[in-house]
C-alpha cells in the first residue's frame, strides 16, 4: 500500500521562492541531454549490429565475407567510430564544465553520477569497436587516443563521485 506525504507551503511563499534553482535546471538539462545521446548511440549500435550479423565469431576473416557486407561493415564501423570520437570530446568538455561550476560538492557529485551512468553504458556499446573486428585491421591511432581520452573522462567522473575519502577507504 502506498502512502502519500503532503507538504503544505503557503501560496504567498510559493510565489516568492524560485521554483527551480540553477542546479535543478542543470541536472534536468543534463538528464535530458544524456537521454538524447543514449538514443543516438543505440541507433548507431543497432546499425552496427546489423552490419556484423554475418559474423559468427570475432575476429572474422574478411576473405569469408561478401564485398557488399564488408563495405557495409566498414561504413557502420566508421560511423560508430566517428560518433565515439565526437561523444568523447563532448563528454570531456562536460566533465570540465561541471568541475568549474559554482555548485556544492554534493550537487557536483549528482551531476557526475549521471555522467558516469551514461559513460558506463556508452563504454559497453563503444567497446564493440575493439572486439567486433576483422582479423586484420590497420592500426588506428586516433581511435586509440579516443579510447584513452574516454577512459580519462570516465576515471575523472568516477573519482569525483567517490571523492578522495572514498579512494582512501578502498
N, C-alpha and C. Protein backbone atom coordinates (compact mmCIF):
# COMPACT_ATOMS: atom_id res chain seq x y z
N UNK A 1 0.84 -1.17 0.00
CA UNK A 1 0.00 0.00 0.00
C UNK A 1 0.89 1.24 0.00
N UNK A 2 0.59 2.14 -0.86
CA UNK A 2 1.38 3.35 -0.97
C UNK A 2 0.79 4.46 -0.12
N UNK A 3 1.66 5.16 0.59
CA UNK A 3 1.20 6.29 1.38
C UNK A 3 1.76 7.56 0.78
N UNK A 4 1.04 8.61 0.92
CA UNK A 4 1.46 9.90 0.38
C UNK A 4 1.78 10.84 1.52
N UNK A 5 2.80 11.61 1.31
CA UNK A 5 3.17 12.60 2.30
C UNK A 5 3.00 13.97 1.64
N UNK A 6 2.18 14.78 2.20
CA UNK A 6 1.94 16.11 1.65
C UNK A 6 2.69 17.14 2.46
N UNK A 7 3.27 18.06 1.77
CA UNK A 7 3.95 19.16 2.44
C UNK A 7 3.22 20.43 2.02
N UNK A 8 2.66 21.09 2.97
CA UNK A 8 1.89 22.28 2.68
C UNK A 8 2.80 23.50 2.71
N UNK A 9 2.77 24.26 1.63
CA UNK A 9 3.53 25.51 1.54
C UNK A 9 2.53 26.61 1.24
N UNK A 10 2.56 27.67 2.04
CA UNK A 10 1.61 28.77 1.80
C UNK A 10 1.78 29.35 0.40
N UNK A 11 0.69 29.74 -0.19
CA UNK A 11 0.67 30.27 -1.55
C UNK A 11 1.60 31.47 -1.69
N UNK A 12 1.60 32.36 -0.72
CA UNK A 12 2.46 33.55 -0.79
C UNK A 12 3.93 33.14 -0.84
N UNK A 13 4.31 32.12 -0.08
CA UNK A 13 5.69 31.65 -0.08
C UNK A 13 6.03 31.03 -1.44
N UNK A 14 5.10 30.31 -2.04
CA UNK A 14 5.32 29.73 -3.36
C UNK A 14 5.58 30.82 -4.40
N UNK A 15 4.92 31.92 -4.27
CA UNK A 15 5.04 32.99 -5.25
C UNK A 15 6.36 33.76 -5.10
N UNK A 16 6.96 33.72 -3.91
CA UNK A 16 8.18 34.49 -3.70
C UNK A 16 9.44 33.64 -3.83
N UNK A 17 9.34 32.32 -3.68
CA UNK A 17 10.51 31.45 -3.80
C UNK A 17 10.67 30.99 -5.25
N UNK A 18 11.91 30.97 -5.72
CA UNK A 18 12.11 30.43 -7.07
C UNK A 18 11.81 28.94 -7.07
N UNK A 19 11.09 28.47 -8.08
CA UNK A 19 10.71 27.06 -8.12
C UNK A 19 11.84 26.19 -8.66
N UNK A 20 12.73 26.74 -9.46
CA UNK A 20 13.83 25.97 -10.00
C UNK A 20 15.14 26.69 -9.73
N UNK A 21 16.04 26.00 -9.09
CA UNK A 21 17.36 26.58 -8.89
C UNK A 21 18.19 26.32 -10.14
N UNK A 22 19.30 27.00 -10.22
CA UNK A 22 20.21 26.79 -11.35
C UNK A 22 20.68 25.34 -11.40
N UNK A 23 20.94 24.76 -10.24
CA UNK A 23 21.39 23.37 -10.21
C UNK A 23 20.29 22.43 -10.72
N UNK A 24 19.05 22.64 -10.27
CA UNK A 24 17.96 21.77 -10.72
C UNK A 24 17.77 21.86 -12.23
N UNK A 25 17.90 23.05 -12.77
CA UNK A 25 17.81 23.22 -14.23
C UNK A 25 18.97 22.49 -14.92
N UNK A 26 20.17 22.61 -14.35
CA UNK A 26 21.34 21.95 -14.93
C UNK A 26 21.18 20.43 -14.87
N UNK A 27 20.71 19.92 -13.74
CA UNK A 27 20.53 18.47 -13.59
C UNK A 27 19.48 17.95 -14.57
N UNK A 28 18.37 18.67 -14.67
CA UNK A 28 17.32 18.27 -15.60
C UNK A 28 17.82 18.35 -17.04
N UNK A 29 18.52 19.41 -17.36
CA UNK A 29 19.08 19.56 -18.70
C UNK A 29 20.08 18.47 -19.03
N UNK A 30 20.92 18.13 -18.09
CA UNK A 30 21.90 17.06 -18.30
C UNK A 30 21.19 15.73 -18.50
N UNK A 31 20.20 15.46 -17.69
CA UNK A 31 19.45 14.21 -17.80
C UNK A 31 18.80 14.09 -19.18
N UNK A 32 18.15 15.14 -19.63
CA UNK A 32 17.50 15.11 -20.94
C UNK A 32 18.53 14.97 -22.06
N UNK A 33 19.63 15.67 -21.94
CA UNK A 33 20.68 15.59 -22.95
C UNK A 33 21.28 14.19 -23.02
N UNK A 34 21.54 13.59 -21.88
CA UNK A 34 22.11 12.24 -21.86
C UNK A 34 21.14 11.23 -22.46
N UNK A 35 19.85 11.41 -22.23
CA UNK A 35 18.86 10.52 -22.83
C UNK A 35 18.89 10.62 -24.35
N UNK A 36 19.00 11.83 -24.88
CA UNK A 36 19.08 12.02 -26.33
C UNK A 36 20.34 11.39 -26.89
N UNK A 37 21.46 11.56 -26.18
CA UNK A 37 22.71 10.98 -26.64
C UNK A 37 22.67 9.45 -26.58
N UNK A 38 22.02 8.91 -25.56
CA UNK A 38 21.87 7.45 -25.49
C UNK A 38 21.06 6.93 -26.66
N UNK A 39 20.00 7.62 -27.00
CA UNK A 39 19.19 7.20 -28.15
C UNK A 39 20.03 7.21 -29.41
N UNK A 40 20.87 8.20 -29.56
CA UNK A 40 21.74 8.30 -30.73
C UNK A 40 22.74 7.15 -30.79
N UNK A 41 23.37 6.84 -29.67
CA UNK A 41 24.36 5.75 -29.72
C UNK A 41 23.68 4.39 -29.84
N UNK A 42 22.46 4.25 -29.31
CA UNK A 42 21.74 3.00 -29.50
C UNK A 42 21.38 2.81 -30.97
N UNK A 43 21.03 3.88 -31.67
CA UNK A 43 20.75 3.79 -33.10
C UNK A 43 22.00 3.37 -33.87
N UNK A 44 23.13 3.98 -33.53
CA UNK A 44 24.39 3.64 -34.20
C UNK A 44 24.77 2.19 -33.89
N UNK A 45 24.54 1.76 -32.66
CA UNK A 45 24.87 0.38 -32.30
C UNK A 45 23.97 -0.61 -33.03
N UNK A 46 22.70 -0.26 -33.19
CA UNK A 46 21.78 -1.14 -33.91
C UNK A 46 22.21 -1.29 -35.37
N UNK A 47 22.61 -0.19 -35.98
CA UNK A 47 23.08 -0.24 -37.36
C UNK A 47 24.36 -1.07 -37.45
N UNK A 48 25.25 -0.92 -36.48
CA UNK A 48 26.48 -1.69 -36.45
C UNK A 48 26.18 -3.17 -36.26
N UNK A 49 25.22 -3.48 -35.40
CA UNK A 49 24.83 -4.88 -35.17
C UNK A 49 24.34 -5.53 -36.45
N UNK A 50 23.56 -4.80 -37.21
CA UNK A 50 23.08 -5.33 -38.49
C UNK A 50 24.25 -5.56 -39.45
N UNK A 51 25.24 -4.68 -39.39
CA UNK A 51 26.37 -4.79 -40.30
C UNK A 51 27.31 -5.94 -39.94
N UNK A 52 27.29 -6.41 -38.69
CA UNK A 52 28.16 -7.52 -38.29
C UNK A 52 27.38 -8.82 -38.10
N UNK A 53 26.14 -8.83 -38.51
CA UNK A 53 25.29 -10.01 -38.33
C UNK A 53 25.85 -11.23 -39.08
N UNK A 54 26.65 -11.02 -40.09
CA UNK A 54 27.21 -12.11 -40.87
C UNK A 54 28.25 -12.92 -40.09
N UNK A 55 28.85 -12.34 -39.10
CA UNK A 55 29.95 -12.97 -38.38
C UNK A 55 29.44 -13.83 -37.23
N UNK A 56 29.99 -15.04 -37.15
CA UNK A 56 29.66 -15.93 -36.04
C UNK A 56 30.63 -15.77 -34.88
N UNK A 57 31.85 -15.35 -35.22
CA UNK A 57 32.89 -15.19 -34.21
C UNK A 57 33.80 -14.04 -34.61
N UNK A 58 34.47 -13.49 -33.62
CA UNK A 58 35.40 -12.38 -33.85
C UNK A 58 36.76 -12.74 -33.31
N UNK A 59 37.81 -12.30 -33.93
CA UNK A 59 37.84 -11.56 -35.19
C UNK A 59 37.42 -12.46 -36.36
N UNK A 60 36.80 -11.85 -37.36
CA UNK A 60 36.33 -12.60 -38.52
C UNK A 60 37.31 -12.44 -39.68
N UNK A 61 37.25 -13.36 -40.59
CA UNK A 61 38.12 -13.31 -41.76
C UNK A 61 37.45 -12.49 -42.86
N UNK A 62 38.07 -11.40 -43.30
CA UNK A 62 37.47 -10.59 -44.37
C UNK A 62 37.31 -11.37 -45.68
N UNK A 63 38.13 -12.37 -45.88
CA UNK A 63 38.04 -13.17 -47.11
C UNK A 63 36.76 -14.01 -47.15
N UNK A 64 36.20 -14.29 -46.01
CA UNK A 64 34.99 -15.12 -45.96
C UNK A 64 33.70 -14.31 -46.05
N UNK A 65 33.84 -13.02 -46.25
CA UNK A 65 32.68 -12.12 -46.27
C UNK A 65 32.51 -11.54 -47.67
N UNK A 66 31.27 -11.43 -48.10
CA UNK A 66 31.00 -10.83 -49.41
C UNK A 66 31.40 -9.36 -49.39
N UNK A 67 31.75 -8.83 -50.55
CA UNK A 67 32.26 -7.47 -50.66
C UNK A 67 31.26 -6.43 -50.17
N UNK A 68 29.98 -6.60 -50.50
CA UNK A 68 28.99 -5.63 -50.06
C UNK A 68 28.78 -5.68 -48.55
N UNK A 69 28.86 -6.86 -47.94
CA UNK A 69 28.75 -6.99 -46.49
C UNK A 69 29.95 -6.33 -45.81
N UNK A 70 31.13 -6.54 -46.38
CA UNK A 70 32.33 -5.94 -45.81
C UNK A 70 32.29 -4.42 -45.93
N UNK A 71 31.79 -3.91 -47.04
CA UNK A 71 31.66 -2.47 -47.23
C UNK A 71 30.67 -1.88 -46.22
N UNK A 72 29.55 -2.58 -46.02
CA UNK A 72 28.56 -2.12 -45.04
C UNK A 72 29.15 -2.15 -43.64
N UNK A 73 29.92 -3.18 -43.34
CA UNK A 73 30.59 -3.26 -42.04
C UNK A 73 31.50 -2.06 -41.83
N UNK A 74 32.36 -1.79 -42.80
CA UNK A 74 33.31 -0.68 -42.65
C UNK A 74 32.59 0.67 -42.56
N UNK A 75 31.50 0.82 -43.28
CA UNK A 75 30.74 2.07 -43.22
C UNK A 75 30.14 2.26 -41.83
N UNK A 76 29.52 1.22 -41.27
CA UNK A 76 28.90 1.34 -39.95
C UNK A 76 29.96 1.44 -38.84
N UNK A 77 31.08 0.75 -39.02
CA UNK A 77 32.17 0.86 -38.04
C UNK A 77 32.71 2.28 -38.03
N UNK A 78 32.85 2.86 -39.21
CA UNK A 78 33.33 4.24 -39.32
C UNK A 78 32.35 5.21 -38.67
N UNK A 79 31.06 4.98 -38.88
CA UNK A 79 30.04 5.86 -38.28
C UNK A 79 30.07 5.74 -36.75
N UNK A 80 30.21 4.52 -36.23
CA UNK A 80 30.27 4.31 -34.79
C UNK A 80 31.54 4.92 -34.21
N UNK A 81 32.63 4.77 -34.93
CA UNK A 81 33.92 5.34 -34.50
C UNK A 81 33.86 6.86 -34.45
N UNK A 82 33.27 7.48 -35.48
CA UNK A 82 33.13 8.94 -35.51
C UNK A 82 32.24 9.43 -34.37
N UNK A 83 31.18 8.69 -34.11
CA UNK A 83 30.29 9.04 -33.00
C UNK A 83 31.04 8.93 -31.67
N UNK A 84 31.84 7.90 -31.53
CA UNK A 84 32.65 7.71 -30.32
C UNK A 84 33.60 8.89 -30.12
N UNK A 85 34.24 9.32 -31.18
CA UNK A 85 35.17 10.45 -31.10
C UNK A 85 34.42 11.73 -30.71
N UNK A 86 33.30 11.98 -31.35
CA UNK A 86 32.51 13.18 -31.05
C UNK A 86 31.97 13.16 -29.62
N UNK A 87 31.41 12.02 -29.22
CA UNK A 87 30.86 11.90 -27.87
C UNK A 87 31.95 12.11 -26.81
N UNK A 88 33.11 11.53 -27.06
CA UNK A 88 34.20 11.65 -26.09
C UNK A 88 34.64 13.10 -25.93
N UNK A 89 34.74 13.82 -27.03
CA UNK A 89 35.11 15.24 -26.95
C UNK A 89 34.07 16.03 -26.16
N UNK A 90 32.79 15.76 -26.42
CA UNK A 90 31.73 16.47 -25.70
C UNK A 90 31.71 16.09 -24.22
N UNK A 91 31.94 14.83 -23.92
CA UNK A 91 31.95 14.38 -22.53
C UNK A 91 33.12 14.99 -21.76
N UNK A 92 34.26 15.11 -22.41
CA UNK A 92 35.42 15.74 -21.79
C UNK A 92 35.11 17.19 -21.44
N UNK A 93 34.50 17.90 -22.37
CA UNK A 93 34.12 19.29 -22.13
C UNK A 93 33.08 19.39 -21.01
N UNK A 94 32.13 18.48 -21.01
CA UNK A 94 31.08 18.48 -19.99
C UNK A 94 31.66 18.21 -18.60
N UNK A 95 32.56 17.26 -18.49
CA UNK A 95 33.17 16.95 -17.20
C UNK A 95 33.94 18.15 -16.66
N UNK A 96 34.64 18.84 -17.54
CA UNK A 96 35.37 20.04 -17.12
C UNK A 96 34.41 21.15 -16.72
N UNK A 97 33.31 21.28 -17.43
CA UNK A 97 32.32 22.32 -17.11
C UNK A 97 31.69 22.08 -15.74
N UNK A 98 31.38 20.83 -15.44
CA UNK A 98 30.81 20.51 -14.13
C UNK A 98 31.79 20.92 -13.03
N UNK A 99 33.06 20.63 -13.25
CA UNK A 99 34.08 20.93 -12.24
C UNK A 99 34.16 22.44 -11.97
N UNK A 100 33.97 23.26 -12.99
CA UNK A 100 34.15 24.71 -12.82
C UNK A 100 32.89 25.44 -12.36
N UNK A 101 31.76 24.75 -12.37
CA UNK A 101 30.51 25.40 -11.94
C UNK A 101 30.52 25.65 -10.44
N UNK A 102 29.74 26.61 -10.04
CA UNK A 102 29.69 27.03 -8.65
C UNK A 102 28.60 26.26 -7.89
N UNK A 103 28.63 24.92 -7.99
CA UNK A 103 27.69 24.08 -7.27
C UNK A 103 28.38 23.53 -6.02
N UNK A 104 27.57 23.05 -5.09
CA UNK A 104 28.14 22.40 -3.91
C UNK A 104 28.77 21.08 -4.35
N UNK A 105 29.58 20.52 -3.48
CA UNK A 105 30.23 19.24 -3.80
C UNK A 105 29.19 18.13 -4.00
N UNK A 106 28.14 18.13 -3.20
CA UNK A 106 27.08 17.12 -3.36
C UNK A 106 26.34 17.29 -4.69
N UNK A 107 26.12 18.53 -5.09
CA UNK A 107 25.45 18.77 -6.37
C UNK A 107 26.34 18.32 -7.52
N UNK A 108 27.62 18.64 -7.44
CA UNK A 108 28.55 18.19 -8.48
C UNK A 108 28.58 16.66 -8.53
N UNK A 109 28.55 16.05 -7.37
CA UNK A 109 28.57 14.59 -7.31
C UNK A 109 27.35 14.00 -8.02
N UNK A 110 26.19 14.64 -7.84
CA UNK A 110 24.98 14.17 -8.52
C UNK A 110 25.14 14.26 -10.03
N UNK A 111 25.71 15.37 -10.50
CA UNK A 111 25.91 15.52 -11.95
C UNK A 111 26.92 14.50 -12.47
N UNK A 112 27.98 14.28 -11.72
CA UNK A 112 28.98 13.29 -12.13
C UNK A 112 28.39 11.87 -12.11
N UNK A 113 27.47 11.61 -11.19
CA UNK A 113 26.84 10.28 -11.16
C UNK A 113 25.99 10.07 -12.40
N UNK A 114 25.27 11.09 -12.82
CA UNK A 114 24.51 10.99 -14.07
C UNK A 114 25.46 10.74 -15.24
N UNK A 115 26.52 11.51 -15.28
CA UNK A 115 27.51 11.39 -16.34
C UNK A 115 28.16 10.00 -16.32
N UNK A 116 28.49 9.51 -15.16
CA UNK A 116 29.13 8.21 -15.03
C UNK A 116 28.21 7.09 -15.49
N UNK A 117 26.95 7.18 -15.18
CA UNK A 117 25.99 6.19 -15.67
C UNK A 117 25.97 6.14 -17.18
N UNK A 118 25.95 7.31 -17.79
CA UNK A 118 25.99 7.38 -19.25
C UNK A 118 27.30 6.81 -19.78
N UNK A 119 28.41 7.17 -19.15
CA UNK A 119 29.72 6.69 -19.60
C UNK A 119 29.81 5.17 -19.54
N UNK A 120 29.26 4.57 -18.51
CA UNK A 120 29.31 3.11 -18.38
C UNK A 120 28.49 2.43 -19.47
N UNK A 121 27.34 2.98 -19.77
CA UNK A 121 26.51 2.42 -20.84
C UNK A 121 27.21 2.61 -22.19
N UNK A 122 27.69 3.83 -22.43
CA UNK A 122 28.36 4.12 -23.70
C UNK A 122 29.61 3.26 -23.88
N UNK A 123 30.34 3.01 -22.81
CA UNK A 123 31.55 2.20 -22.90
C UNK A 123 31.23 0.79 -23.39
N UNK A 124 30.14 0.22 -22.90
CA UNK A 124 29.77 -1.13 -23.33
C UNK A 124 29.39 -1.16 -24.80
N UNK A 125 28.85 -0.08 -25.31
CA UNK A 125 28.48 -0.03 -26.72
C UNK A 125 29.70 0.25 -27.61
N UNK A 126 30.51 1.20 -27.20
CA UNK A 126 31.67 1.56 -28.00
C UNK A 126 32.77 0.50 -27.93
N UNK A 127 32.70 -0.39 -26.96
CA UNK A 127 33.67 -1.48 -26.86
C UNK A 127 33.63 -2.37 -28.10
N UNK A 128 32.52 -2.37 -28.76
CA UNK A 128 32.37 -3.20 -29.97
C UNK A 128 33.38 -2.79 -31.04
N UNK A 129 33.85 -1.55 -30.99
CA UNK A 129 34.86 -1.11 -31.96
C UNK A 129 36.17 -1.87 -31.80
N UNK A 130 36.42 -2.37 -30.60
CA UNK A 130 37.65 -3.11 -30.33
C UNK A 130 37.45 -4.62 -30.40
N UNK A 131 36.24 -5.08 -30.19
CA UNK A 131 36.02 -6.53 -30.13
C UNK A 131 35.45 -7.12 -31.41
N UNK A 132 34.62 -6.40 -32.11
CA UNK A 132 33.98 -6.95 -33.30
C UNK A 132 34.70 -6.42 -34.54
N UNK A 133 35.84 -7.03 -34.78
CA UNK A 133 36.76 -6.56 -35.82
C UNK A 133 37.16 -7.71 -36.74
N UNK A 134 37.65 -7.35 -37.93
CA UNK A 134 38.22 -8.39 -38.80
C UNK A 134 39.58 -8.84 -38.26
N UNK A 135 40.05 -9.96 -38.76
CA UNK A 135 41.32 -10.49 -38.26
C UNK A 135 42.50 -9.57 -38.57
N UNK A 136 42.41 -8.82 -39.64
CA UNK A 136 43.47 -7.86 -39.97
C UNK A 136 42.86 -6.48 -40.09
N UNK A 137 43.16 -5.66 -39.12
CA UNK A 137 42.65 -4.29 -39.09
C UNK A 137 43.84 -3.36 -38.91
N UNK A 138 43.98 -2.38 -39.77
CA UNK A 138 45.13 -1.47 -39.61
C UNK A 138 45.05 -0.72 -38.29
N UNK A 139 46.19 -0.37 -37.77
CA UNK A 139 46.26 0.37 -36.51
C UNK A 139 45.58 1.72 -36.68
N UNK A 140 44.77 2.07 -35.72
CA UNK A 140 44.01 3.32 -35.75
C UNK A 140 44.41 4.15 -34.54
N UNK A 141 45.38 5.03 -34.73
CA UNK A 141 45.91 5.82 -33.62
C UNK A 141 44.87 6.80 -33.07
N UNK A 142 44.03 7.34 -33.95
CA UNK A 142 43.00 8.26 -33.47
C UNK A 142 42.00 7.53 -32.57
N UNK A 143 41.64 6.33 -32.95
CA UNK A 143 40.72 5.54 -32.12
C UNK A 143 41.37 5.21 -30.78
N UNK A 144 42.64 4.86 -30.79
CA UNK A 144 43.34 4.57 -29.54
C UNK A 144 43.40 5.81 -28.64
N UNK A 145 43.64 6.97 -29.24
CA UNK A 145 43.68 8.22 -28.48
C UNK A 145 42.29 8.54 -27.91
N UNK A 146 41.26 8.27 -28.69
CA UNK A 146 39.89 8.50 -28.22
C UNK A 146 39.56 7.56 -27.08
N UNK A 147 39.96 6.30 -27.19
CA UNK A 147 39.70 5.34 -26.11
C UNK A 147 40.40 5.78 -24.82
N UNK A 148 41.64 6.25 -24.95
CA UNK A 148 42.38 6.72 -23.77
C UNK A 148 41.70 7.94 -23.17
N UNK A 149 41.26 8.87 -24.00
CA UNK A 149 40.58 10.07 -23.52
C UNK A 149 39.26 9.71 -22.84
N UNK A 150 38.52 8.78 -23.44
CA UNK A 150 37.26 8.33 -22.87
C UNK A 150 37.50 7.75 -21.48
N UNK A 151 38.52 6.93 -21.33
CA UNK A 151 38.82 6.33 -20.03
C UNK A 151 39.27 7.38 -19.02
N UNK A 152 39.97 8.41 -19.48
CA UNK A 152 40.35 9.51 -18.56
C UNK A 152 39.10 10.23 -18.05
N UNK A 153 38.16 10.52 -18.95
CA UNK A 153 36.92 11.20 -18.55
C UNK A 153 36.14 10.31 -17.59
N UNK A 154 36.07 9.04 -17.90
CA UNK A 154 35.36 8.08 -17.05
C UNK A 154 36.02 8.00 -15.67
N UNK A 155 37.32 7.92 -15.65
CA UNK A 155 38.05 7.88 -14.39
C UNK A 155 37.87 9.15 -13.59
N UNK A 156 37.86 10.29 -14.28
CA UNK A 156 37.67 11.58 -13.62
C UNK A 156 36.27 11.66 -12.99
N UNK A 157 35.26 11.21 -13.72
CA UNK A 157 33.90 11.21 -13.19
C UNK A 157 33.80 10.27 -11.99
N UNK A 158 34.40 9.09 -12.11
CA UNK A 158 34.37 8.13 -11.01
C UNK A 158 35.08 8.69 -9.78
N UNK A 159 36.20 9.35 -9.98
CA UNK A 159 36.94 9.96 -8.89
C UNK A 159 36.09 11.01 -8.19
N UNK A 160 35.37 11.80 -8.95
CA UNK A 160 34.55 12.85 -8.35
C UNK A 160 33.31 12.30 -7.66
N UNK A 161 32.85 11.14 -8.07
CA UNK A 161 31.73 10.51 -7.37
C UNK A 161 32.21 9.90 -6.06
N UNK A 162 33.32 9.18 -6.13
CA UNK A 162 33.86 8.55 -4.92
C UNK A 162 34.45 9.57 -3.97
N UNK A 163 35.12 10.55 -4.50
CA UNK A 163 35.81 11.53 -3.67
C UNK A 163 37.10 10.95 -3.15
N UNK A 164 37.92 11.79 -2.63
CA UNK A 164 39.24 11.36 -2.14
C UNK A 164 39.10 10.43 -0.94
N UNK A 165 38.10 10.64 -0.08
CA UNK A 165 37.92 9.77 1.07
C UNK A 165 37.46 8.38 0.65
N UNK A 166 36.67 8.32 -0.42
CA UNK A 166 36.25 7.01 -0.95
C UNK A 166 37.41 6.23 -1.50
N UNK A 167 38.40 6.91 -2.05
CA UNK A 167 39.59 6.23 -2.56
C UNK A 167 40.47 5.73 -1.45
N UNK A 168 40.54 6.46 -0.35
CA UNK A 168 41.38 6.06 0.77
C UNK A 168 40.83 4.84 1.49
N UNK A 169 39.52 4.62 1.41
CA UNK A 169 38.88 3.51 2.11
C UNK A 169 38.87 2.24 1.29
N UNK A 170 39.32 2.29 0.08
CA UNK A 170 39.30 1.11 -0.80
C UNK A 170 40.19 0.08 -0.31
